[in-house]
Amino acid sequence: MKASAKFQRMSPRKARLVTDLITGKSAEEAISILEHLPKGSAITIGRVVRSAVANAENNFNLTLENLYVKNAIANEGPRMKRVWYRGRGRRDLKVHRMAHLEVVLDERGS
């Protein structure tokens, strides 16, 4: 049971702080942690966890109480490069990073 969200406008390094926090926790606990976490990526990762839970319930007839977060990954996606104009005719490059998020759930006791 897994769910993913690709091309999310967040830094993968900052998203990994959140994914490391929920890995190994039960699905209910992970959802409650993500609801109250003051990180920008917590909302998006919470949506992915809820989607994985819905996939497990609909496709495999599992219940939320038996599920735990087996693996949560935030990989690097493509980078958007934009020009940032500076003084004296110079310019810098602004790099907007993207993340590919993936959450894998498994059943406890299996």
N, C-alpha and C. Protein backbone atom coordinates (compact mmCIF):
# COMPACT_ATOMS: atom_id res chain seq x y z
N MET A 1 0.85 -1.16 0.00
CA MET A 1 0.00 0.00 0.00
C MET A 1 0.89 1.22 0.00
N LYS A 2 0.90 1.92 -1.11
CA LYS A 2 1.71 3.11 -1.15
C LYS A 2 0.99 4.21 -1.91
N ALA A 3 1.46 5.41 -1.67
CA ALA A 3 0.94 6.59 -2.36
C ALA A 3 2.11 7.53 -2.59
N SER A 4 2.00 8.34 -3.64
CA SER A 4 3.09 9.25 -3.94
C SER A 4 2.53 10.58 -4.43
N ALA A 5 3.33 11.60 -4.28
CA ALA A 5 3.03 12.93 -4.82
C ALA A 5 4.31 13.44 -5.45
N LYS A 6 4.26 13.71 -6.73
CA LYS A 6 5.46 14.13 -7.44
C LYS A 6 5.41 15.61 -7.77
N PHE A 7 6.58 16.17 -7.99
CA PHE A 7 6.75 17.56 -8.40
C PHE A 7 6.15 18.53 -7.39
N GLN A 8 6.39 18.29 -6.10
CA GLN A 8 5.89 19.17 -5.05
C GLN A 8 6.90 20.29 -4.81
N ARG A 9 6.43 21.53 -4.73
CA ARG A 9 7.31 22.68 -4.60
C ARG A 9 7.79 22.83 -3.16
N MET A 10 8.70 21.95 -2.75
CA MET A 10 9.31 22.04 -1.44
C MET A 10 10.71 21.46 -1.54
N SER A 11 11.55 21.87 -0.65
CA SER A 11 12.90 21.36 -0.65
C SER A 11 12.92 19.93 -0.12
N PRO A 12 13.55 18.99 -0.83
CA PRO A 12 13.58 17.62 -0.34
C PRO A 12 14.33 17.48 0.97
N ARG A 13 15.30 18.33 1.19
CA ARG A 13 16.06 18.28 2.44
C ARG A 13 15.18 18.63 3.64
N LYS A 14 14.31 19.63 3.47
CA LYS A 14 13.40 20.00 4.54
C LYS A 14 12.27 18.98 4.70
N ALA A 15 11.86 18.37 3.59
CA ALA A 15 10.80 17.36 3.66
C ALA A 15 11.31 16.10 4.35
N ARG A 16 12.60 15.79 4.21
CA ARG A 16 13.16 14.59 4.85
C ARG A 16 13.13 14.70 6.37
N LEU A 17 13.16 15.90 6.90
CA LEU A 17 13.03 16.08 8.35
C LEU A 17 11.69 15.56 8.84
N VAL A 18 10.66 15.76 8.04
CA VAL A 18 9.32 15.31 8.41
C VAL A 18 9.15 13.82 8.16
N THR A 19 9.65 13.33 7.02
CA THR A 19 9.49 11.91 6.70
C THR A 19 10.25 11.03 7.69
N ASP A 20 11.41 11.49 8.14
CA ASP A 20 12.16 10.73 9.14
C ASP A 20 11.42 10.67 10.47
N LEU A 21 10.61 11.68 10.73
CA LEU A 21 9.87 11.75 11.98
C LEU A 21 8.73 10.74 12.04
N ILE A 22 8.10 10.44 10.89
CA ILE A 22 6.93 9.55 10.91
C ILE A 22 7.25 8.11 10.54
N THR A 23 8.45 7.84 10.05
CA THR A 23 8.79 6.47 9.66
C THR A 23 8.79 5.56 10.88
N GLY A 24 8.08 4.44 10.79
CA GLY A 24 7.98 3.49 11.88
C GLY A 24 6.80 3.70 12.81
N LYS A 25 6.13 4.83 12.70
CA LYS A 25 4.99 5.12 13.56
C LYS A 25 3.72 4.48 12.97
N SER A 26 2.71 4.31 13.82
CA SER A 26 1.44 3.82 13.31
C SER A 26 0.81 4.91 12.45
N ALA A 27 -0.09 4.51 11.56
CA ALA A 27 -0.68 5.46 10.62
C ALA A 27 -1.48 6.54 11.35
N GLU A 28 -2.22 6.15 12.39
CA GLU A 28 -2.99 7.13 13.17
C GLU A 28 -2.07 8.15 13.84
N GLU A 29 -0.99 7.64 14.43
CA GLU A 29 -0.05 8.53 15.11
C GLU A 29 0.65 9.46 14.12
N ALA A 30 1.00 8.93 12.95
CA ALA A 30 1.65 9.75 11.92
C ALA A 30 0.74 10.88 11.46
N ILE A 31 -0.54 10.58 11.27
CA ILE A 31 -1.49 11.61 10.83
C ILE A 31 -1.64 12.69 11.89
N SER A 32 -1.72 12.27 13.17
CA SER A 32 -1.88 13.27 14.24
C SER A 32 -0.61 14.10 14.42
N ILE A 33 0.56 13.49 14.23
CA ILE A 33 1.82 14.25 14.31
C ILE A 33 1.86 15.30 13.20
N LEU A 34 1.49 14.88 11.99
CA LEU A 34 1.58 15.79 10.85
C LEU A 34 0.56 16.93 10.93
N GLU A 35 -0.57 16.70 11.58
CA GLU A 35 -1.57 17.76 11.71
C GLU A 35 -1.09 18.89 12.61
N HIS A 36 -0.24 18.56 13.60
CA HIS A 36 0.18 19.57 14.57
C HIS A 36 1.63 20.00 14.41
N LEU A 37 2.28 19.58 13.34
CA LEU A 37 3.69 19.90 13.13
C LEU A 37 3.82 21.26 12.42
N PRO A 38 4.62 22.17 12.94
CA PRO A 38 4.73 23.49 12.32
C PRO A 38 5.75 23.53 11.17
N LYS A 39 5.65 22.62 10.25
CA LYS A 39 6.53 22.59 9.08
C LYS A 39 5.66 22.72 7.84
N GLY A 40 6.17 23.38 6.82
CA GLY A 40 5.39 23.59 5.61
C GLY A 40 5.11 22.31 4.85
N SER A 41 6.04 21.37 4.90
CA SER A 41 5.87 20.13 4.15
C SER A 41 4.97 19.13 4.86
N ALA A 42 4.60 19.38 6.12
CA ALA A 42 3.80 18.43 6.88
C ALA A 42 2.40 18.27 6.30
N ILE A 43 1.84 19.34 5.74
CA ILE A 43 0.49 19.27 5.18
C ILE A 43 0.48 18.35 3.95
N THR A 44 1.44 18.53 3.07
CA THR A 44 1.50 17.73 1.85
C THR A 44 1.80 16.27 2.16
N ILE A 45 2.71 16.02 3.08
CA ILE A 45 3.05 14.64 3.45
C ILE A 45 1.86 13.99 4.15
N GLY A 46 1.09 14.76 4.92
CA GLY A 46 -0.12 14.24 5.55
C GLY A 46 -1.15 13.81 4.52
N ARG A 47 -1.26 14.56 3.43
CA ARG A 47 -2.17 14.16 2.35
C ARG A 47 -1.74 12.85 1.72
N VAL A 48 -0.43 12.66 1.57
CA VAL A 48 0.08 11.43 0.96
C VAL A 48 -0.18 10.25 1.90
N VAL A 49 -0.01 10.46 3.21
CA VAL A 49 -0.27 9.38 4.18
C VAL A 49 -1.75 9.01 4.15
N ARG A 50 -2.64 10.02 4.11
CA ARG A 50 -4.07 9.73 4.06
C ARG A 50 -4.45 9.01 2.76
N SER A 51 -3.79 9.35 1.68
CA SER A 51 -4.05 8.67 0.41
C SER A 51 -3.60 7.21 0.47
N ALA A 52 -2.46 6.95 1.11
CA ALA A 52 -1.98 5.57 1.26
C ALA A 52 -2.93 4.77 2.14
N VAL A 53 -3.47 5.39 3.19
CA VAL A 53 -4.44 4.72 4.05
C VAL A 53 -5.71 4.39 3.27
N ALA A 54 -6.17 5.33 2.44
CA ALA A 54 -7.36 5.10 1.63
C ALA A 54 -7.12 3.98 0.62
N ASN A 55 -5.91 3.93 0.05
CA ASN A 55 -5.58 2.85 -0.88
C ASN A 55 -5.62 1.50 -0.17
N ALA A 56 -5.09 1.46 1.05
CA ALA A 56 -5.07 0.20 1.80
C ALA A 56 -6.48 -0.24 2.17
N GLU A 57 -7.33 0.71 2.55
CA GLU A 57 -8.69 0.37 2.94
C GLU A 57 -9.53 -0.08 1.75
N ASN A 58 -9.41 0.62 0.62
CA ASN A 58 -10.25 0.32 -0.53
C ASN A 58 -9.75 -0.88 -1.34
N ASN A 59 -8.44 -1.00 -1.51
CA ASN A 59 -7.90 -2.03 -2.40
C ASN A 59 -7.56 -3.33 -1.68
N PHE A 60 -7.23 -3.25 -0.39
CA PHE A 60 -6.77 -4.44 0.32
C PHE A 60 -7.62 -4.79 1.54
N ASN A 61 -8.70 -4.05 1.77
CA ASN A 61 -9.63 -4.29 2.89
C ASN A 61 -8.92 -4.32 4.24
N LEU A 62 -7.99 -3.40 4.46
CA LEU A 62 -7.30 -3.28 5.74
C LEU A 62 -7.90 -2.13 6.53
N THR A 63 -7.65 -2.13 7.85
CA THR A 63 -8.17 -1.05 8.69
C THR A 63 -7.03 -0.14 9.13
N LEU A 64 -7.38 1.07 9.48
CA LEU A 64 -6.40 2.07 9.87
C LEU A 64 -5.63 1.66 11.12
N GLU A 65 -6.28 0.94 12.02
CA GLU A 65 -5.65 0.59 13.30
C GLU A 65 -4.47 -0.37 13.11
N ASN A 66 -4.48 -1.18 12.05
CA ASN A 66 -3.43 -2.18 11.84
C ASN A 66 -2.28 -1.68 10.97
N LEU A 67 -2.35 -0.45 10.47
CA LEU A 67 -1.35 0.04 9.53
C LEU A 67 -0.27 0.85 10.23
N TYR A 68 0.94 0.76 9.70
CA TYR A 68 2.04 1.62 10.17
C TYR A 68 2.84 2.09 8.97
N VAL A 69 3.59 3.17 9.14
CA VAL A 69 4.39 3.75 8.07
C VAL A 69 5.69 2.94 7.97
N LYS A 70 5.76 2.12 6.96
CA LYS A 70 6.95 1.29 6.76
C LYS A 70 8.11 2.12 6.22
N ASN A 71 7.79 3.03 5.29
CA ASN A 71 8.84 3.82 4.66
C ASN A 71 8.23 5.13 4.18
N ALA A 72 8.93 6.21 4.39
CA ALA A 72 8.53 7.52 3.88
C ALA A 72 9.76 8.18 3.28
N ILE A 73 9.66 8.52 2.00
CA ILE A 73 10.83 9.01 1.26
C ILE A 73 10.50 10.37 0.65
N ALA A 74 11.49 11.25 0.67
CA ALA A 74 11.40 12.52 -0.04
C ALA A 74 12.61 12.61 -0.95
N ASN A 75 12.43 12.26 -2.21
CA ASN A 75 13.52 12.31 -3.18
C ASN A 75 13.51 13.63 -3.91
N GLU A 76 14.63 13.93 -4.55
CA GLU A 76 14.76 15.20 -5.26
C GLU A 76 14.14 15.10 -6.64
N GLY A 77 13.36 16.09 -6.99
CA GLY A 77 12.78 16.18 -8.32
C GLY A 77 13.59 17.17 -9.15
N PRO A 78 13.03 17.62 -10.26
CA PRO A 78 13.75 18.59 -11.08
C PRO A 78 13.81 19.95 -10.38
N ARG A 79 14.74 20.75 -10.83
CA ARG A 79 14.90 22.09 -10.25
C ARG A 79 14.45 23.13 -11.26
N MET A 80 13.70 24.11 -10.78
CA MET A 80 13.32 25.23 -11.63
C MET A 80 14.37 26.32 -11.44
N LYS A 81 14.91 26.79 -12.52
CA LYS A 81 15.94 27.83 -12.45
C LYS A 81 15.35 29.14 -12.96
N ARG A 82 15.49 30.17 -12.16
CA ARG A 82 14.98 31.49 -12.52
C ARG A 82 16.10 32.51 -12.35
N VAL A 83 16.04 33.57 -13.14
CA VAL A 83 17.07 34.62 -13.08
C VAL A 83 16.66 35.64 -12.04
N TRP A 84 17.64 36.04 -11.23
CA TRP A 84 17.43 37.05 -10.20
C TRP A 84 18.37 38.22 -10.52
N TYR A 85 17.81 39.34 -10.94
CA TYR A 85 18.62 40.47 -11.38
C TYR A 85 19.16 41.23 -10.18
N ARG A 86 20.44 41.53 -10.25
CA ARG A 86 21.13 42.23 -9.16
C ARG A 86 21.60 43.59 -9.66
N GLY A 87 22.30 44.30 -8.82
CA GLY A 87 22.79 45.62 -9.17
C GLY A 87 23.95 45.57 -10.16
N ARG A 88 24.19 46.69 -10.81
CA ARG A 88 25.28 46.88 -11.75
C ARG A 88 25.24 45.91 -12.94
N GLY A 89 24.03 45.56 -13.37
CA GLY A 89 23.89 44.73 -14.56
C GLY A 89 24.19 43.26 -14.37
N ARG A 90 24.36 42.84 -13.13
CA ARG A 90 24.65 41.42 -12.89
C ARG A 90 23.35 40.66 -12.70
N ARG A 91 23.49 39.35 -12.67
CA ARG A 91 22.33 38.51 -12.37
C ARG A 91 22.80 37.25 -11.67
N ASP A 92 21.92 36.71 -10.83
CA ASP A 92 22.17 35.45 -10.14
C ASP A 92 21.11 34.45 -10.58
N LEU A 93 21.33 33.20 -10.19
CA LEU A 93 20.39 32.15 -10.52
C LEU A 93 19.68 31.72 -9.25
N LYS A 94 18.35 31.80 -9.27
CA LYS A 94 17.55 31.28 -8.16
C LYS A 94 17.14 29.86 -8.52
N VAL A 95 17.35 28.93 -7.61
CA VAL A 95 17.01 27.53 -7.84
C VAL A 95 15.83 27.16 -6.94
N HIS A 96 14.70 26.82 -7.54
CA HIS A 96 13.52 26.38 -6.80
C HIS A 96 13.49 24.86 -6.86
N ARG A 97 13.61 24.22 -5.73
CA ARG A 97 13.69 22.77 -5.71
C ARG A 97 12.30 22.14 -5.63
N MET A 98 12.22 20.91 -6.13
CA MET A 98 10.99 20.13 -6.07
C MET A 98 11.29 18.78 -5.43
N ALA A 99 10.26 18.17 -4.87
CA ALA A 99 10.43 16.89 -4.19
C ALA A 99 9.42 15.88 -4.72
N HIS A 100 9.85 14.63 -4.79
CA HIS A 100 8.96 13.51 -5.06
C HIS A 100 8.75 12.79 -3.73
N LEU A 101 7.52 12.77 -3.24
CA LEU A 101 7.20 12.17 -1.95
C LEU A 101 6.58 10.79 -2.16
N GLU A 102 6.97 9.84 -1.32
CA GLU A 102 6.39 8.49 -1.39
C GLU A 102 6.25 7.94 0.01
N VAL A 103 5.07 7.40 0.30
CA VAL A 103 4.79 6.80 1.62
C VAL A 103 4.35 5.36 1.40
N VAL A 104 4.99 4.43 2.10
CA VAL A 104 4.66 3.02 2.02
C VAL A 104 4.12 2.57 3.37
N LEU A 105 2.93 2.02 3.38
CA LEU A 105 2.31 1.48 4.61
C LEU A 105 2.36 -0.03 4.58
N ASP A 106 2.35 -0.62 5.76
CA ASP A 106 2.30 -2.07 5.88
C ASP A 106 1.43 -2.44 7.07
N GLU A 107 1.02 -3.68 7.13
CA GLU A 107 0.15 -4.13 8.19
C GLU A 107 1.00 -4.63 9.36
N ARG A 108 0.61 -4.25 10.58
CA ARG A 108 1.32 -4.73 11.77
C ARG A 108 1.15 -6.23 11.91
N GLY A 109 2.21 -6.90 12.32
CA GLY A 109 2.13 -8.33 12.55
C GLY A 109 2.23 -9.17 11.31
N SER A 110 2.59 -8.54 10.18
CA SER A 110 2.73 -9.33 8.96
C SER A 110 4.17 -9.45 8.54
